[in-house]
Amino acid sequence: MTDQGGVPRRKPVADRFSDLCDAVARRLPFGLSRVVPPNFLGFAAINGFTFGVDLLLLTLAHSWLDLPVRVSITVGYAIAFSLSFVLNRWLNFHSHAPVGRQALLFFIVILINYAVILLGVGGGLAALGLQYHVARLIAGACEAVFIYSAMRWVVFAKPAGSRRATISGQTAIEE
């Protein structure tokens, strides 16, 4: 890529992120490269980061501010998943669709996840005596499967008739 003066331009951050995910996905061992989509790796990286943000906020709210576990979980969760939505939309799914509909769908997915997995599994395990960080990690594993599936096939689903193709290292959306 060059600008009008012939000076090389850097690829946008989102394209570099996708290129990295594509490169890692192609090198996965044991035949996983044929079944693991690059955007799953992008989701794992982004949500691994935002999960760390969630745990940090949970710890700050509960251990330092002495807020109840359910309130602490809620604060960390709301901030981390807002960040997850923005980063996945921009870096991982490269969505240019209207943000309003996607945000509404994501909000519905998050409410379902929050009630069933986070409070149900995470809060329930903590209430049964499991240390709250461990309970949150177990709930996080369940949450990862649900959220990725919802993001890929519902929130950021490509319109019917379009597909993502990789052509000589360039990612394109074909109509």
Protein backbone atom coordinates (compact mmCIF):
# COMPACT_ATOMS: atom_id res chain seq x y z
CA MET A 1 0.00 0.00 0.00
CA THR A 2 1.27 3.45 -0.87
CA ASP A 3 -0.24 6.91 -0.65
CA GLN A 4 -0.48 9.31 -3.60
CA GLY A 5 3.15 10.38 -3.15
CA GLY A 6 4.39 6.78 -3.34
CA VAL A 7 5.16 6.64 0.37
CA PRO A 8 4.39 3.24 1.89
CA ARG A 9 1.31 3.24 4.14
CA ARG A 10 0.82 0.86 7.00
CA LYS A 11 -2.15 -1.46 6.91
CA PRO A 12 -5.00 -0.53 9.24
CA VAL A 13 -4.78 -2.09 12.70
CA ALA A 14 -7.86 -4.26 12.06
CA ASP A 15 -6.28 -5.72 8.91
CA ARG A 16 -3.01 -6.44 10.71
CA PHE A 17 -4.95 -8.12 13.53
CA SER A 18 -6.79 -10.33 11.01
CA ASP A 19 -3.56 -11.16 9.19
CA LEU A 20 -2.02 -12.29 12.48
CA CYS A 21 -5.07 -14.44 13.29
CA ASP A 22 -4.98 -15.94 9.77
CA ALA A 23 -1.26 -16.72 10.10
CA VAL A 24 -1.72 -18.39 13.50
CA ALA A 25 -4.78 -20.35 12.31
CA ARG A 26 -2.84 -21.71 9.31
CA ARG A 27 -0.13 -23.03 11.65
CA LEU A 28 -2.33 -24.81 14.19
CA PRO A 29 -1.25 -28.43 14.78
CA PHE A 30 -3.18 -31.71 14.67
CA GLY A 31 -5.42 -30.68 11.77
CA LEU A 32 -6.93 -27.84 13.78
CA SER A 33 -5.99 -25.42 11.00
CA ARG A 34 -8.80 -26.94 8.93
CA VAL A 35 -11.51 -26.49 11.59
CA VAL A 36 -10.60 -23.44 13.70
CA PRO A 37 -11.60 -20.20 11.98
CA PRO A 38 -9.21 -17.24 12.32
CA ASN A 39 -11.95 -15.12 13.89
CA PHE A 40 -12.22 -17.69 16.71
CA LEU A 41 -8.57 -16.98 17.51
CA GLY A 42 -9.30 -13.25 17.33
CA PHE A 43 -12.25 -13.73 19.66
CA ALA A 44 -10.07 -15.73 22.06
CA ALA A 45 -7.38 -13.02 22.10
CA ILE A 46 -9.81 -10.13 22.53
CA ASN A 47 -11.99 -11.87 25.07
CA GLY A 48 -8.98 -13.21 26.95
CA PHE A 49 -7.88 -9.61 27.36
CA THR A 50 -11.35 -8.36 28.32
CA PHE A 51 -11.77 -11.29 30.72
CA GLY A 52 -8.61 -10.10 32.44
CA VAL A 53 -10.16 -6.63 32.66
CA ASP A 54 -13.31 -8.26 34.10
CA LEU A 55 -11.34 -10.16 36.77
CA LEU A 56 -9.32 -7.06 37.67
CA LEU A 57 -12.50 -5.01 38.11
CA LEU A 58 -14.16 -7.84 40.06
CA THR A 59 -11.18 -7.98 42.43
CA LEU A 60 -11.06 -4.20 42.84
CA ALA A 61 -14.79 -3.94 43.48
CA HIS A 62 -15.06 -6.89 45.88
CA SER A 63 -11.71 -7.01 47.66
CA TRP A 64 -10.83 -3.32 47.78
CA LEU A 65 -14.21 -1.57 47.72
CA ASP A 66 -15.92 -4.36 49.70
CA LEU A 67 -18.91 -4.48 47.33
CA PRO A 68 -21.03 -7.67 47.36
CA VAL A 69 -19.93 -10.39 44.90
CA ARG A 70 -23.01 -9.99 42.67
CA VAL A 71 -22.49 -6.21 42.40
CA SER A 72 -18.77 -6.70 41.75
CA ILE A 73 -19.48 -9.28 39.05
CA THR A 74 -21.97 -6.90 37.43
CA VAL A 75 -19.57 -3.93 37.35
CA GLY A 76 -16.70 -5.94 35.88
CA TYR A 77 -18.98 -7.68 33.42
CA ALA A 78 -20.63 -4.52 32.07
CA ILE A 79 -17.36 -2.72 31.45
CA ALA A 80 -15.53 -5.74 30.04
CA PHE A 81 -18.30 -6.71 27.63
CA SER A 82 -18.69 -3.17 26.37
CA LEU A 83 -14.99 -3.25 25.55
CA SER A 84 -15.38 -6.72 23.99
CA PHE A 85 -18.17 -5.51 21.70
CA VAL A 86 -16.14 -2.57 20.43
CA LEU A 87 -12.93 -4.57 19.90
CA ASN A 88 -14.65 -7.56 18.26
CA ARG A 89 -16.70 -5.32 15.95
CA TRP A 90 -13.62 -3.36 14.91
CA LEU A 91 -10.73 -5.84 14.95
CA ASN A 92 -12.21 -9.29 14.62
CA PHE A 93 -15.43 -9.18 12.64
CA HIS A 94 -14.65 -5.98 10.65
CA SER A 95 -18.27 -4.98 10.78
CA HIS A 96 -19.47 -1.90 8.94
CA ALA A 97 -23.15 -2.66 9.47
CA PRO A 98 -25.24 -0.18 11.45
CA VAL A 99 -24.11 -0.36 15.05
CA GLY A 100 -27.60 0.09 16.57
CA ARG A 101 -29.00 -3.30 15.56
CA GLN A 102 -25.77 -5.07 16.48
CA ALA A 103 -25.61 -3.34 19.86
CA LEU A 104 -29.21 -4.34 20.59
CA LEU A 105 -28.57 -7.98 19.62
CA PHE A 106 -25.38 -8.00 21.68
CA PHE A 107 -27.22 -6.51 24.65
CA ILE A 108 -29.82 -9.30 24.45
CA VAL A 109 -27.08 -11.95 24.21
CA ILE A 110 -25.29 -10.40 27.17
CA LEU A 111 -28.47 -10.28 29.27
CA ILE A 112 -29.10 -13.96 28.62
CA ASN A 113 -25.47 -14.79 29.36
CA TYR A 114 -25.47 -12.62 32.48
CA ALA A 115 -28.58 -14.18 33.98
CA VAL A 116 -27.94 -17.80 33.07
CA ILE A 117 -24.18 -18.23 33.03
CA LEU A 118 -22.66 -15.44 35.05
CA LEU A 119 -25.10 -15.16 37.94
CA GLY A 120 -26.51 -18.66 37.62
CA VAL A 121 -23.27 -20.59 37.29
CA GLY A 122 -20.72 -18.10 38.68
CA GLY A 123 -22.84 -16.68 41.47
CA GLY A 124 -24.31 -20.09 42.24
CA LEU A 125 -20.90 -21.74 42.60
CA ALA A 126 -19.70 -18.88 44.82
CA ALA A 127 -22.84 -19.24 46.96
CA LEU A 128 -22.07 -22.96 47.31
CA GLY A 129 -18.70 -22.03 48.80
CA LEU A 130 -16.37 -22.13 45.80
CA GLN A 131 -13.83 -19.30 45.89
CA TYR A 132 -15.27 -16.46 43.78
CA HIS A 133 -12.33 -16.28 41.34
CA VAL A 134 -12.59 -20.02 40.63
CA ALA A 135 -16.37 -19.74 40.22
CA ARG A 136 -15.84 -16.87 37.76
CA LEU A 137 -13.28 -18.89 35.77
CA ILE A 138 -15.69 -21.82 35.41
CA ALA A 139 -18.50 -19.50 34.36
CA GLY A 140 -16.05 -17.84 31.93
CA ALA A 141 -15.41 -21.12 30.12
CA CYS A 142 -19.16 -21.64 29.60
CA GLU A 143 -19.56 -18.03 28.60
CA ALA A 144 -16.82 -18.21 25.93
CA VAL A 145 -18.63 -20.87 23.91
CA PHE A 146 -21.98 -19.08 24.11
CA ILE A 147 -20.68 -15.57 23.35
CA TYR A 148 -18.49 -16.59 20.39
CA SER A 149 -21.35 -18.51 18.82
CA ALA A 150 -23.74 -15.59 19.29
CA MET A 151 -21.26 -13.04 17.93
CA ARG A 152 -20.36 -15.10 14.89
CA TRP A 153 -23.79 -16.32 13.87
CA VAL A 154 -26.14 -13.65 15.25
CA VAL A 155 -24.63 -10.29 16.20
CA PHE A 156 -22.01 -9.92 13.45
CA ALA A 157 -23.51 -12.38 10.95
CA LYS A 158 -22.77 -11.54 7.35
CA PRO A 159 -25.83 -10.80 5.21
CA ALA A 160 -27.10 -13.71 3.13
CA GLY A 161 -25.22 -13.89 -0.16
CA SER A 162 -21.96 -12.45 1.11
CA ARG A 163 -18.93 -14.41 2.18
CA ARG A 164 -15.48 -13.70 3.46
CA ALA A 165 -12.72 -14.83 1.16
CA THR A 166 -8.96 -14.80 1.38
CA ILE A 167 -7.40 -14.04 -1.97
CA SER A 168 -3.59 -14.09 -2.08
CA GLY A 169 -3.33 -12.90 1.50
CA GLN A 170 -5.98 -10.18 1.11
CA THR A 171 -9.22 -10.52 3.01
CA ALA A 172 -12.29 -9.34 1.13
CA ILE A 173 -16.04 -9.45 1.46
CA GLU A 174 -17.70 -10.65 -1.71
CA GLU A 175 -21.30 -9.86 -2.49
